[in-house]
Amino acid sequence: MQFSQGWWKAELTGGAGLDFTTIDRGGDILATIAAEYEFPASERITLGLRFIPLLMYKPNGNDDDTVWGGGLGFATRYYPLGSPYYGWYAELEGHGIVHEEKIRGNTSTFNFLIGSGIGYRFHNNWHGAVKFEHISNGNLDTRNQSTNTISLAIGYTFSALKR
């Protein structure tokens, strides 16, 4: 691992809820802002330490039940083509999130936000991705009605990568 050769990036993600569970999540909205320190783990794999200072989950049509929170987590990316750490990538991410309000059908104020996605990092330090994201308390509390979203992400890397 080459922690000292990493780079800082910011990412804004937003998506719409999917109706996979007994509670209709269609029309729900999930948005996050993340700051990440990403660093090489090998020639094609990176690891990232992530901080989510802002998470917003809004149930369809109900502003009173909007959930605000934040969290910490990690990400790993695999860059199969082209120059290392540019071009297409696949990613997995996981976070612990805390919030004061509860998500409808979920009795915990601590949940896990996990996701997977496919993205593209451009040589001008911008990137974009499509993600599937899942929020659940992992059965740490009595009710664990999960929520799933399809999200779009856009981000920027603040320190230039070596090409």
N, C-alpha and C. Protein backbone atom coordinates (compact mmCIF):
# COMPACT_ATOMS: atom_id res chain seq x y z
N MET A 1 0.84 -1.18 0.00
CA MET A 1 0.00 0.00 0.00
C MET A 1 0.88 1.24 0.00
N GLN A 2 0.36 2.28 -0.60
CA GLN A 2 1.12 3.51 -0.74
C GLN A 2 0.29 4.69 -0.22
N PHE A 3 0.01 4.67 1.09
CA PHE A 3 -0.87 5.67 1.70
C PHE A 3 -0.39 7.09 1.44
N SER A 4 0.90 7.32 1.53
CA SER A 4 1.44 8.67 1.37
C SER A 4 1.33 9.18 -0.07
N GLN A 5 1.04 8.32 -1.03
CA GLN A 5 0.92 8.74 -2.43
C GLN A 5 -0.53 8.92 -2.85
N GLY A 6 -1.41 9.17 -1.89
CA GLY A 6 -2.84 9.30 -2.17
C GLY A 6 -3.24 10.70 -2.60
N TRP A 7 -4.55 10.88 -2.76
CA TRP A 7 -5.11 12.14 -3.22
C TRP A 7 -6.47 12.37 -2.56
N TRP A 8 -6.84 13.63 -2.41
CA TRP A 8 -8.12 14.01 -1.83
C TRP A 8 -9.15 14.22 -2.92
N LYS A 9 -10.38 13.83 -2.64
CA LYS A 9 -11.46 14.06 -3.59
C LYS A 9 -12.76 14.34 -2.86
N ALA A 10 -13.67 15.00 -3.56
CA ALA A 10 -15.02 15.29 -3.04
C ALA A 10 -16.02 14.70 -4.01
N GLU A 11 -17.17 14.27 -3.48
CA GLU A 11 -18.18 13.64 -4.33
C GLU A 11 -19.58 14.02 -3.83
N LEU A 12 -20.45 14.32 -4.77
CA LEU A 12 -21.85 14.58 -4.51
C LEU A 12 -22.64 13.45 -5.17
N THR A 13 -23.49 12.78 -4.39
CA THR A 13 -24.28 11.67 -4.90
C THR A 13 -25.76 11.93 -4.61
N GLY A 14 -26.60 11.62 -5.59
CA GLY A 14 -28.05 11.75 -5.40
C GLY A 14 -28.78 10.67 -6.15
N GLY A 15 -29.84 10.15 -5.54
CA GLY A 15 -30.56 9.07 -6.21
C GLY A 15 -31.99 8.92 -5.75
N ALA A 16 -32.71 8.09 -6.49
CA ALA A 16 -34.12 7.84 -6.24
C ALA A 16 -34.32 6.46 -5.65
N GLY A 17 -35.28 6.36 -4.75
CA GLY A 17 -35.58 5.10 -4.09
C GLY A 17 -36.21 4.08 -5.02
N LEU A 18 -35.97 2.81 -4.70
CA LEU A 18 -36.53 1.70 -5.46
C LEU A 18 -37.53 0.96 -4.59
N ASP A 19 -38.51 0.37 -5.19
CA ASP A 19 -39.57 -0.33 -4.46
C ASP A 19 -39.24 -1.82 -4.38
N PHE A 20 -38.27 -2.20 -3.51
CA PHE A 20 -37.85 -3.59 -3.33
C PHE A 20 -38.45 -4.24 -2.10
N THR A 21 -38.97 -3.43 -1.18
CA THR A 21 -39.38 -3.96 0.12
C THR A 21 -40.88 -3.80 0.31
N THR A 22 -41.37 -4.18 1.48
CA THR A 22 -42.80 -4.06 1.76
C THR A 22 -43.24 -2.62 1.93
N ILE A 23 -42.31 -1.71 2.21
CA ILE A 23 -42.61 -0.28 2.27
C ILE A 23 -42.24 0.31 0.92
N ASP A 24 -43.17 1.04 0.30
CA ASP A 24 -42.92 1.64 -1.01
C ASP A 24 -41.88 2.75 -0.86
N ARG A 25 -40.70 2.54 -1.42
CA ARG A 25 -39.63 3.54 -1.38
C ARG A 25 -39.53 4.31 -2.69
N GLY A 26 -40.37 3.99 -3.66
CA GLY A 26 -40.37 4.71 -4.93
C GLY A 26 -40.65 6.19 -4.67
N GLY A 27 -39.85 7.05 -5.24
CA GLY A 27 -40.01 8.49 -5.03
C GLY A 27 -39.21 9.04 -3.86
N ASP A 28 -38.63 8.17 -3.04
CA ASP A 28 -37.76 8.64 -1.97
C ASP A 28 -36.47 9.17 -2.59
N ILE A 29 -35.77 10.04 -1.87
CA ILE A 29 -34.53 10.63 -2.38
C ILE A 29 -33.42 10.46 -1.35
N LEU A 30 -32.24 10.05 -1.81
CA LEU A 30 -31.04 9.96 -0.98
C LEU A 30 -29.98 10.85 -1.60
N ALA A 31 -29.36 11.71 -0.79
CA ALA A 31 -28.27 12.56 -1.27
C ALA A 31 -27.16 12.56 -0.22
N THR A 32 -25.92 12.53 -0.69
CA THR A 32 -24.77 12.58 0.22
C THR A 32 -23.69 13.49 -0.36
N ILE A 33 -22.91 14.05 0.53
CA ILE A 33 -21.67 14.73 0.19
C ILE A 33 -20.58 13.96 0.90
N ALA A 34 -19.53 13.61 0.17
CA ALA A 34 -18.44 12.83 0.77
C ALA A 34 -17.09 13.47 0.48
N ALA A 35 -16.19 13.39 1.45
CA ALA A 35 -14.78 13.74 1.28
C ALA A 35 -14.01 12.44 1.46
N GLU A 36 -13.04 12.21 0.60
CA GLU A 36 -12.33 10.94 0.63
C GLU A 36 -10.84 11.12 0.39
N TYR A 37 -10.04 10.34 1.12
CA TYR A 37 -8.62 10.22 0.83
C TYR A 37 -8.43 8.85 0.18
N GLU A 38 -8.13 8.85 -1.12
CA GLU A 38 -7.96 7.62 -1.91
C GLU A 38 -6.47 7.39 -2.14
N PHE A 39 -6.04 6.13 -2.00
CA PHE A 39 -4.62 5.84 -2.18
C PHE A 39 -4.44 4.48 -2.84
N PRO A 40 -3.32 4.31 -3.56
CA PRO A 40 -3.07 3.04 -4.25
C PRO A 40 -2.84 1.89 -3.29
N ALA A 41 -3.48 0.74 -3.58
CA ALA A 41 -3.21 -0.49 -2.84
C ALA A 41 -2.41 -1.44 -3.72
N SER A 42 -2.55 -1.30 -5.04
CA SER A 42 -1.78 -2.05 -6.02
C SER A 42 -1.83 -1.26 -7.33
N GLU A 43 -1.35 -1.85 -8.39
CA GLU A 43 -1.29 -1.14 -9.67
C GLU A 43 -2.67 -0.76 -10.20
N ARG A 44 -3.70 -1.51 -9.90
CA ARG A 44 -5.05 -1.25 -10.42
C ARG A 44 -6.13 -1.08 -9.34
N ILE A 45 -5.76 -1.20 -8.07
CA ILE A 45 -6.73 -1.14 -6.97
C ILE A 45 -6.38 0.01 -6.04
N THR A 46 -7.42 0.77 -5.63
CA THR A 46 -7.24 1.83 -4.65
C THR A 46 -8.16 1.57 -3.46
N LEU A 47 -7.78 2.15 -2.34
CA LEU A 47 -8.60 2.14 -1.13
C LEU A 47 -8.90 3.60 -0.78
N GLY A 48 -10.04 3.84 -0.18
CA GLY A 48 -10.39 5.20 0.21
C GLY A 48 -10.98 5.24 1.60
N LEU A 49 -10.57 6.23 2.38
CA LEU A 49 -11.16 6.51 3.68
C LEU A 49 -12.13 7.66 3.47
N ARG A 50 -13.42 7.44 3.81
CA ARG A 50 -14.47 8.39 3.46
C ARG A 50 -15.13 9.00 4.69
N PHE A 51 -15.44 10.27 4.57
CA PHE A 51 -16.19 11.02 5.58
C PHE A 51 -17.42 11.60 4.89
N ILE A 52 -18.60 11.33 5.42
CA ILE A 52 -19.84 11.88 4.88
C ILE A 52 -20.34 12.93 5.87
N PRO A 53 -20.01 14.21 5.63
CA PRO A 53 -20.49 15.24 6.56
C PRO A 53 -21.98 15.52 6.42
N LEU A 54 -22.56 15.12 5.27
CA LEU A 54 -23.98 15.38 5.08
C LEU A 54 -24.65 14.23 4.33
N LEU A 55 -25.68 13.68 4.96
CA LEU A 55 -26.54 12.67 4.35
C LEU A 55 -27.97 13.16 4.52
N MET A 56 -28.75 13.12 3.43
CA MET A 56 -30.15 13.51 3.48
C MET A 56 -30.96 12.41 2.83
N TYR A 57 -31.96 11.91 3.58
CA TYR A 57 -32.88 10.92 3.05
C TYR A 57 -34.29 11.47 3.21
N LYS A 58 -34.98 11.67 2.09
CA LYS A 58 -36.31 12.27 2.11
C LYS A 58 -37.34 11.28 1.57
N PRO A 59 -38.28 10.83 2.43
CA PRO A 59 -39.34 9.97 1.95
C PRO A 59 -40.23 10.72 0.96
N ASN A 60 -40.82 10.01 0.04
CA ASN A 60 -41.66 10.60 -1.01
C ASN A 60 -42.76 11.47 -0.42
N GLY A 61 -42.70 12.76 -0.77
CA GLY A 61 -43.78 13.68 -0.43
C GLY A 61 -43.94 14.05 1.02
N ASN A 62 -42.95 13.78 1.88
CA ASN A 62 -43.13 14.08 3.30
C ASN A 62 -41.89 14.77 3.86
N ASP A 63 -41.87 16.10 3.82
CA ASP A 63 -40.73 16.87 4.32
C ASP A 63 -40.53 16.69 5.82
N ASP A 64 -41.61 16.40 6.57
CA ASP A 64 -41.50 16.26 8.02
C ASP A 64 -40.66 15.05 8.43
N ASP A 65 -40.55 14.05 7.58
CA ASP A 65 -39.81 12.82 7.91
C ASP A 65 -38.41 12.80 7.31
N THR A 66 -37.91 13.94 6.82
CA THR A 66 -36.57 13.98 6.23
C THR A 66 -35.53 13.62 7.29
N VAL A 67 -34.62 12.73 6.94
CA VAL A 67 -33.56 12.26 7.83
C VAL A 67 -32.26 12.95 7.44
N TRP A 68 -31.60 13.58 8.41
CA TRP A 68 -30.31 14.23 8.21
C TRP A 68 -29.28 13.49 9.06
N GLY A 69 -28.10 13.25 8.50
CA GLY A 69 -27.07 12.56 9.26
C GLY A 69 -25.71 12.67 8.60
N GLY A 70 -24.81 11.82 9.04
CA GLY A 70 -23.46 11.77 8.51
C GLY A 70 -22.81 10.46 8.90
N GLY A 71 -21.57 10.25 8.44
CA GLY A 71 -20.92 9.00 8.78
C GLY A 71 -19.49 8.89 8.31
N LEU A 72 -18.93 7.72 8.56
CA LEU A 72 -17.56 7.39 8.18
C LEU A 72 -17.57 6.05 7.47
N GLY A 73 -16.61 5.86 6.55
CA GLY A 73 -16.56 4.58 5.86
C GLY A 73 -15.33 4.41 5.01
N PHE A 74 -15.46 3.52 4.04
CA PHE A 74 -14.35 3.17 3.17
C PHE A 74 -14.87 2.93 1.76
N ALA A 75 -13.96 2.91 0.81
CA ALA A 75 -14.30 2.55 -0.57
C ALA A 75 -13.10 1.81 -1.15
N THR A 76 -13.36 0.95 -2.09
CA THR A 76 -12.28 0.31 -2.85
C THR A 76 -12.68 0.34 -4.32
N ARG A 77 -11.71 0.59 -5.18
CA ARG A 77 -11.97 0.69 -6.62
C ARG A 77 -10.98 -0.17 -7.39
N TYR A 78 -11.48 -0.71 -8.49
CA TYR A 78 -10.66 -1.51 -9.39
C TYR A 78 -10.70 -0.85 -10.76
N TYR A 79 -9.53 -0.49 -11.28
CA TYR A 79 -9.38 0.16 -12.58
C TYR A 79 -8.80 -0.86 -13.57
N PRO A 80 -9.63 -1.53 -14.38
CA PRO A 80 -9.14 -2.63 -15.21
C PRO A 80 -8.43 -2.22 -16.49
N LEU A 81 -8.68 -1.02 -16.99
CA LEU A 81 -8.17 -0.62 -18.31
C LEU A 81 -7.31 0.64 -18.24
N GLY A 82 -6.55 0.85 -19.29
CA GLY A 82 -5.83 2.11 -19.44
C GLY A 82 -4.79 2.36 -18.38
N SER A 83 -4.46 3.65 -18.22
CA SER A 83 -3.45 4.01 -17.24
C SER A 83 -4.01 3.81 -15.83
N PRO A 84 -3.15 3.49 -14.88
CA PRO A 84 -3.63 3.24 -13.52
C PRO A 84 -4.41 4.43 -12.95
N TYR A 85 -5.53 4.13 -12.35
CA TYR A 85 -6.37 5.07 -11.61
C TYR A 85 -7.09 6.08 -12.50
N TYR A 86 -7.16 5.81 -13.80
CA TYR A 86 -7.97 6.60 -14.72
C TYR A 86 -8.82 5.66 -15.56
N GLY A 87 -9.86 6.20 -16.18
CA GLY A 87 -10.72 5.41 -17.02
C GLY A 87 -11.81 4.74 -16.22
N TRP A 88 -12.33 3.64 -16.76
CA TRP A 88 -13.43 2.92 -16.12
C TRP A 88 -12.99 2.29 -14.81
N TYR A 89 -13.90 2.23 -13.85
CA TYR A 89 -13.62 1.55 -12.59
C TYR A 89 -14.90 0.94 -12.03
N ALA A 90 -14.73 -0.06 -11.19
CA ALA A 90 -15.81 -0.65 -10.40
C ALA A 90 -15.51 -0.33 -8.95
N GLU A 91 -16.54 -0.06 -8.17
CA GLU A 91 -16.29 0.31 -6.77
C GLU A 91 -17.25 -0.38 -5.82
N LEU A 92 -16.77 -0.56 -4.61
CA LEU A 92 -17.57 -1.02 -3.47
C LEU A 92 -17.33 -0.04 -2.34
N GLU A 93 -18.39 0.28 -1.58
CA GLU A 93 -18.21 1.20 -0.47
C GLU A 93 -19.10 0.79 0.69
N GLY A 94 -18.69 1.15 1.88
CA GLY A 94 -19.46 0.86 3.08
C GLY A 94 -19.23 1.94 4.11
N HIS A 95 -20.31 2.34 4.80
CA HIS A 95 -20.24 3.40 5.80
C HIS A 95 -21.12 3.06 6.98
N GLY A 96 -20.72 3.53 8.14
CA GLY A 96 -21.61 3.59 9.28
C GLY A 96 -22.18 4.99 9.30
N ILE A 97 -23.50 5.12 9.42
CA ILE A 97 -24.12 6.45 9.43
C ILE A 97 -24.97 6.62 10.69
N VAL A 98 -24.98 7.83 11.20
CA VAL A 98 -25.79 8.16 12.36
C VAL A 98 -26.72 9.31 11.99
N HIS A 99 -27.90 9.32 12.60
CA HIS A 99 -28.89 10.36 12.34
C HIS A 99 -29.84 10.41 13.52
N GLU A 100 -30.44 11.58 13.75
CA GLU A 100 -31.36 11.72 14.88
C GLU A 100 -32.74 11.15 14.55
N GLU A 101 -33.25 11.46 13.37
CA GLU A 101 -34.55 10.96 12.95
C GLU A 101 -34.41 9.51 12.49
N LYS A 102 -35.53 8.79 12.44
CA LYS A 102 -35.50 7.40 11.99
C LYS A 102 -36.12 7.28 10.61
N ILE A 103 -35.57 6.38 9.81
CA ILE A 103 -36.12 6.09 8.50
C ILE A 103 -37.36 5.24 8.69
N ARG A 104 -38.42 5.57 8.00
CA ARG A 104 -39.70 4.87 8.13
C ARG A 104 -39.49 3.35 8.02
N GLY A 105 -39.97 2.61 9.03
CA GLY A 105 -39.85 1.16 9.04
C GLY A 105 -38.54 0.65 9.65
N ASN A 106 -37.68 1.57 10.11
CA ASN A 106 -36.38 1.20 10.66
C ASN A 106 -36.28 1.89 12.03
N THR A 107 -36.09 1.11 13.09
CA THR A 107 -36.13 1.66 14.45
C THR A 107 -34.77 2.12 14.97
N SER A 108 -33.74 2.15 14.14
CA SER A 108 -32.40 2.51 14.59
C SER A 108 -31.99 3.89 14.08
N THR A 109 -31.19 4.58 14.88
CA THR A 109 -30.58 5.83 14.42
C THR A 109 -29.13 5.61 14.02
N PHE A 110 -28.69 4.36 14.00
CA PHE A 110 -27.40 3.96 13.43
C PHE A 110 -27.69 2.94 12.34
N ASN A 111 -27.22 3.22 11.14
CA ASN A 111 -27.43 2.32 10.01
C ASN A 111 -26.14 2.17 9.23
N PHE A 112 -26.17 1.26 8.29
CA PHE A 112 -25.06 1.07 7.35
C PHE A 112 -25.52 1.52 5.98
N LEU A 113 -24.69 2.28 5.30
CA LEU A 113 -24.91 2.66 3.90
C LEU A 113 -23.85 1.92 3.09
N ILE A 114 -24.28 0.97 2.28
CA ILE A 114 -23.34 0.22 1.45
C ILE A 114 -23.73 0.43 -0.01
N GLY A 115 -22.76 0.28 -0.89
CA GLY A 115 -23.06 0.47 -2.29
C GLY A 115 -22.03 -0.15 -3.21
N SER A 116 -22.43 -0.24 -4.46
CA SER A 116 -21.52 -0.68 -5.52
C SER A 116 -21.83 0.17 -6.74
N GLY A 117 -20.84 0.31 -7.60
CA GLY A 117 -21.08 1.15 -8.77
C GLY A 117 -20.05 0.96 -9.85
N ILE A 118 -20.34 1.61 -10.96
CA ILE A 118 -19.42 1.67 -12.11
C ILE A 118 -19.23 3.13 -12.43
N GLY A 119 -17.98 3.53 -12.62
CA GLY A 119 -17.70 4.93 -12.89
C GLY A 119 -16.59 5.12 -13.89
N TYR A 120 -16.31 6.37 -14.15
CA TYR A 120 -15.23 6.75 -15.07
C TYR A 120 -14.51 7.96 -14.49
N ARG A 121 -13.18 7.85 -14.38
CA ARG A 121 -12.36 8.97 -13.93
C ARG A 121 -11.64 9.56 -15.14
N PHE A 122 -11.87 10.85 -15.36
CA PHE A 122 -11.26 11.56 -16.48
C PHE A 122 -9.89 12.09 -16.09
N HIS A 123 -9.05 12.38 -17.09
CA HIS A 123 -7.70 12.91 -16.83
C HIS A 123 -7.73 14.35 -16.32
N ASN A 124 -8.88 15.03 -16.37
CA ASN A 124 -8.97 16.40 -15.87
C ASN A 124 -9.41 16.45 -14.41
N ASN A 125 -9.34 15.32 -13.71
CA ASN A 125 -9.64 15.17 -12.28
C ASN A 125 -11.12 15.06 -11.94
N TRP A 126 -12.03 15.04 -12.90
CA TRP A 126 -13.45 14.83 -12.66
C TRP A 126 -13.78 13.35 -12.79
N HIS A 127 -14.81 12.91 -12.09
CA HIS A 127 -15.29 11.54 -12.26
C HIS A 127 -16.82 11.52 -12.12
N GLY A 128 -17.41 10.48 -12.68
CA GLY A 128 -18.84 10.26 -12.57
C GLY A 128 -19.10 8.78 -12.38
N ALA A 129 -20.21 8.44 -11.74
CA ALA A 129 -20.52 7.04 -11.48
C ALA A 129 -22.02 6.82 -11.36
N VAL A 130 -22.43 5.60 -11.60
CA VAL A 130 -23.79 5.13 -11.33
C VAL A 130 -23.65 4.10 -10.22
N LYS A 131 -24.49 4.24 -9.17
CA LYS A 131 -24.36 3.39 -8.00
C LYS A 131 -25.70 2.79 -7.59
N PHE A 132 -25.63 1.60 -7.02
CA PHE A 132 -26.75 1.01 -6.29
C PHE A 132 -26.38 1.16 -4.82
N GLU A 133 -27.26 1.78 -4.02
CA GLU A 133 -26.97 2.01 -2.61
C GLU A 133 -28.07 1.41 -1.74
N HIS A 134 -27.68 0.96 -0.56
CA HIS A 134 -28.58 0.24 0.35
C HIS A 134 -28.34 0.76 1.75
N ILE A 135 -29.43 1.09 2.45
CA ILE A 135 -29.35 1.50 3.85
C ILE A 135 -30.10 0.48 4.69
N SER A 136 -29.44 0.02 5.76
CA SER A 136 -30.00 -0.99 6.64
C SER A 136 -29.30 -0.90 7.99
N ASN A 137 -29.98 -1.33 9.06
CA ASN A 137 -29.29 -1.34 10.36
C ASN A 137 -28.65 -2.69 10.66
N GLY A 138 -28.68 -3.60 9.69
CA GLY A 138 -28.02 -4.89 9.87
C GLY A 138 -28.62 -5.70 11.01
N ASN A 139 -29.90 -5.52 11.28
CA ASN A 139 -30.61 -6.21 12.37
C ASN A 139 -30.03 -5.89 13.75
N LEU A 140 -29.49 -4.68 13.90
CA LEU A 140 -29.00 -4.25 15.21
C LEU A 140 -30.14 -3.74 16.09
N ASP A 141 -31.31 -3.52 15.51
CA ASP A 141 -32.46 -3.05 16.27
C ASP A 141 -33.68 -3.89 15.88
N THR A 142 -34.82 -3.62 16.52
CA THR A 142 -35.99 -4.49 16.36
C THR A 142 -36.57 -4.48 14.95
N ARG A 143 -36.61 -3.33 14.29
CA ARG A 143 -37.14 -3.27 12.93
C ARG A 143 -36.03 -2.82 11.99
N ASN A 144 -35.92 -3.49 10.86
CA ASN A 144 -34.83 -3.23 9.92
C ASN A 144 -35.37 -3.17 8.49
N GLN A 145 -36.33 -2.32 8.24
CA GLN A 145 -36.85 -2.16 6.89
C GLN A 145 -35.83 -1.36 6.08
N SER A 146 -35.19 -2.00 5.13
CA SER A 146 -34.12 -1.36 4.37
C SER A 146 -34.67 -0.43 3.30
N THR A 147 -33.75 0.32 2.72
CA THR A 147 -34.07 1.18 1.59
C THR A 147 -32.97 1.03 0.55
N ASN A 148 -33.35 1.09 -0.71
CA ASN A 148 -32.42 0.93 -1.83
C ASN A 148 -32.61 2.07 -2.81
N THR A 149 -31.51 2.53 -3.39
CA THR A 149 -31.58 3.61 -4.37
C THR A 149 -30.65 3.33 -5.54
N ILE A 150 -30.99 3.92 -6.67
CA ILE A 150 -30.07 4.04 -7.81
C ILE A 150 -29.64 5.49 -7.82
N SER A 151 -28.33 5.72 -7.79
CA SER A 151 -27.80 7.07 -7.63
C SER A 151 -26.80 7.42 -8.72
N LEU A 152 -26.66 8.71 -8.95
CA LEU A 152 -25.62 9.25 -9.81
C LEU A 152 -24.66 10.03 -8.94
N ALA A 153 -23.38 9.91 -9.24
CA ALA A 153 -22.36 10.62 -8.47
C ALA A 153 -21.49 11.43 -9.42
N ILE A 154 -21.06 12.59 -8.92
CA ILE A 154 -20.08 13.41 -9.64
C ILE A 154 -19.07 13.88 -8.60
N GLY A 155 -17.81 13.88 -9.00
CA GLY A 155 -16.78 14.26 -8.04
C GLY A 155 -15.57 14.88 -8.69
N TYR A 156 -14.70 15.40 -7.84
CA TYR A 156 -13.48 16.06 -8.30
C TYR A 156 -12.32 15.66 -7.40
N THR A 157 -11.18 15.39 -8.02
CA THR A 157 -9.95 15.06 -7.29
C THR A 157 -9.12 16.32 -7.17
N PHE A 158 -8.72 16.68 -5.94
CA PHE A 158 -8.05 17.96 -5.70
C PHE A 158 -6.55 17.95 -5.88
N SER A 159 -5.91 16.82 -5.83
CA SER A 159 -4.48 16.79 -6.09
C SER A 159 -4.27 15.94 -7.34
N ALA A 160 -3.45 16.42 -8.23
CA ALA A 160 -3.24 15.75 -9.50
C ALA A 160 -2.62 14.38 -9.28
N LEU A 161 -3.08 13.41 -10.04
CA LEU A 161 -2.50 12.08 -10.01
C LEU A 161 -1.34 12.02 -10.99
N LYS A 162 -0.39 11.18 -10.70
CA LYS A 162 0.72 10.99 -11.63
C LYS A 162 0.27 10.07 -12.74
N ARG A 163 0.50 10.49 -13.96
CA ARG A 163 0.07 9.68 -15.13
C ARG A 163 1.17 8.81 -15.63
